[in-house]
Protein backbone atom coordinates (compact mmCIF):
# COMPACT_ATOMS: atom_id res chain seq x y z
CA UNK A 1 70.85 115.66 118.18
CA UNK A 2 71.83 119.35 118.39
CA UNK A 3 71.57 121.18 115.07
CA UNK A 4 73.31 124.49 115.80
CA UNK A 5 76.09 125.61 113.46
CA UNK A 6 78.62 124.81 116.18
CA UNK A 7 77.27 121.27 116.59
CA UNK A 8 77.23 120.71 112.82
CA UNK A 9 80.87 121.80 112.45
CA UNK A 10 81.94 119.67 115.40
CA UNK A 11 80.18 116.63 113.95
CA UNK A 12 81.88 117.06 110.55
CA UNK A 13 85.32 116.75 112.08
CA UNK A 14 84.28 113.80 114.21
CA UNK A 15 82.61 112.03 111.28
CA UNK A 16 85.75 112.46 109.19
CA UNK A 17 87.78 110.79 111.94
CA UNK A 18 85.13 108.07 112.26
CA UNK A 19 85.32 107.36 108.51
CA UNK A 20 89.08 106.88 108.80
CA UNK A 21 88.50 104.52 111.74
CA UNK A 22 85.93 102.48 109.78
CA UNK A 23 88.34 102.18 106.85
CA UNK A 24 91.17 101.16 109.17
CA UNK A 25 89.24 97.95 109.87
CA UNK A 26 88.43 97.09 106.25
CA UNK A 27 87.84 98.63 102.86
CA UNK A 28 84.21 99.55 102.22
CA UNK A 29 82.01 101.18 99.64
CA UNK A 30 80.22 104.39 100.65
CA UNK A 31 76.89 102.88 101.67
CA UNK A 32 78.70 100.39 103.93
CA UNK A 33 80.49 103.31 105.59
CA UNK A 34 77.17 105.10 106.09
CA UNK A 35 75.65 101.93 107.58
CA UNK A 36 78.57 101.44 109.98
CA UNK A 37 78.37 105.07 111.13
CA UNK A 38 74.60 104.69 111.51
CA UNK A 39 75.15 102.01 114.16
CA UNK A 40 76.07 104.95 116.42
CA UNK A 41 73.24 107.53 116.49
CA UNK A 42 75.62 110.42 117.21
CA UNK A 43 77.59 109.51 114.06
CA UNK A 44 74.66 108.83 111.71
CA UNK A 45 75.33 110.59 108.43
CA UNK A 46 73.63 111.00 105.08
CA UNK A 47 75.18 110.37 101.67
CA UNK A 48 75.23 114.15 101.24
CA UNK A 49 77.64 114.35 104.17
CA UNK A 50 79.74 111.24 103.54
CA UNK A 51 80.40 111.53 99.80
CA UNK A 52 81.99 115.00 99.99
CA UNK A 53 84.11 113.88 102.95
CA UNK A 54 85.27 110.81 101.02
CA UNK A 55 86.14 113.02 98.03
CA UNK A 56 88.16 115.33 100.26
CA UNK A 57 89.92 112.43 102.00
CA UNK A 58 90.73 110.89 98.60
CA UNK A 59 92.08 114.19 97.24
CA UNK A 60 94.27 114.50 100.36
CA UNK A 61 95.58 110.94 99.70
CA UNK A 62 94.31 109.75 103.07
CA UNK A 63 91.98 107.31 101.33
CA UNK A 64 92.52 105.29 98.17
CA UNK A 65 89.88 103.81 95.89
CA UNK A 66 89.30 100.90 93.56
CA UNK A 67 86.37 99.80 91.45
CA UNK A 68 84.95 96.27 91.77
CA UNK A 69 82.10 94.46 90.09
CA UNK A 70 78.90 94.23 92.11
CA UNK A 71 76.93 90.98 92.16
CA UNK A 72 73.63 92.76 91.58
CA UNK A 73 74.23 96.06 89.85
CA UNK A 74 76.80 98.54 88.65
CA UNK A 75 80.43 98.41 89.81
CA UNK A 76 81.12 99.74 93.30
CA UNK A 77 83.82 102.16 94.36
CA UNK A 78 85.65 100.78 97.39
CA UNK A 79 87.58 103.03 99.76
CA UNK A 80 90.63 102.00 101.78
CA UNK A 81 92.98 103.77 104.15
CA UNK A 82 96.40 104.77 102.79
CA UNK A 83 99.58 104.96 104.86
CA UNK A 84 99.02 108.72 105.17
CA UNK A 85 95.45 107.97 106.26
CA UNK A 86 96.69 105.67 109.03
CA UNK A 87 99.02 108.42 110.25
CA UNK A 88 96.16 110.94 110.14
CA UNK A 89 93.91 108.52 112.05
CA UNK A 90 96.56 108.00 114.73
CA UNK A 91 97.05 111.77 115.08
CA UNK A 92 93.30 112.33 115.18
CA UNK A 93 92.76 109.61 117.76
CA UNK A 94 95.43 111.13 120.01
CA UNK A 95 93.91 114.59 119.63
CA UNK A 96 90.43 113.16 120.34
CA UNK A 97 91.54 111.56 123.60
CA UNK A 98 93.22 114.78 124.74
CA UNK A 99 90.25 116.95 123.75
CA UNK A 100 87.70 114.60 125.28
CA UNK A 101 89.54 114.58 128.59
CA UNK A 102 89.97 118.34 128.64
CA UNK A 103 86.35 119.05 127.67
CA UNK A 104 84.98 116.55 130.19
CA UNK A 105 86.99 118.27 132.89
CA UNK A 106 86.16 121.83 131.88
CA UNK A 107 82.45 121.13 131.37
CA UNK A 108 82.20 119.24 134.65
CA UNK A 109 80.07 116.23 135.41
CA UNK A 110 76.83 118.25 135.51
CA UNK A 111 77.16 119.38 131.88
CA UNK A 112 74.37 118.29 129.51
């Protein structure tokens, strides 16, 4: 996994979009989101990355929260996509498809 500043910044935007996509399927608590992202090595993220993104998405009203009792510990904070979050996800998905196509073309098939 590249670790340059450019790669880190690119990943942050992609991970934010991936979080919205995860929450579009079902509400989750943060560790579930981290686990789902971890199923894709390129999207693996630490709590130190995911929690600030969730806070920012919540502040922007793209994600809502609720607290629920946990069967084996303290209450858990569940995150869910809001209507604005669904719109943002749709916009982001469209932009991703356009960017992916353009970058694949401009980088060529021999690009690393």
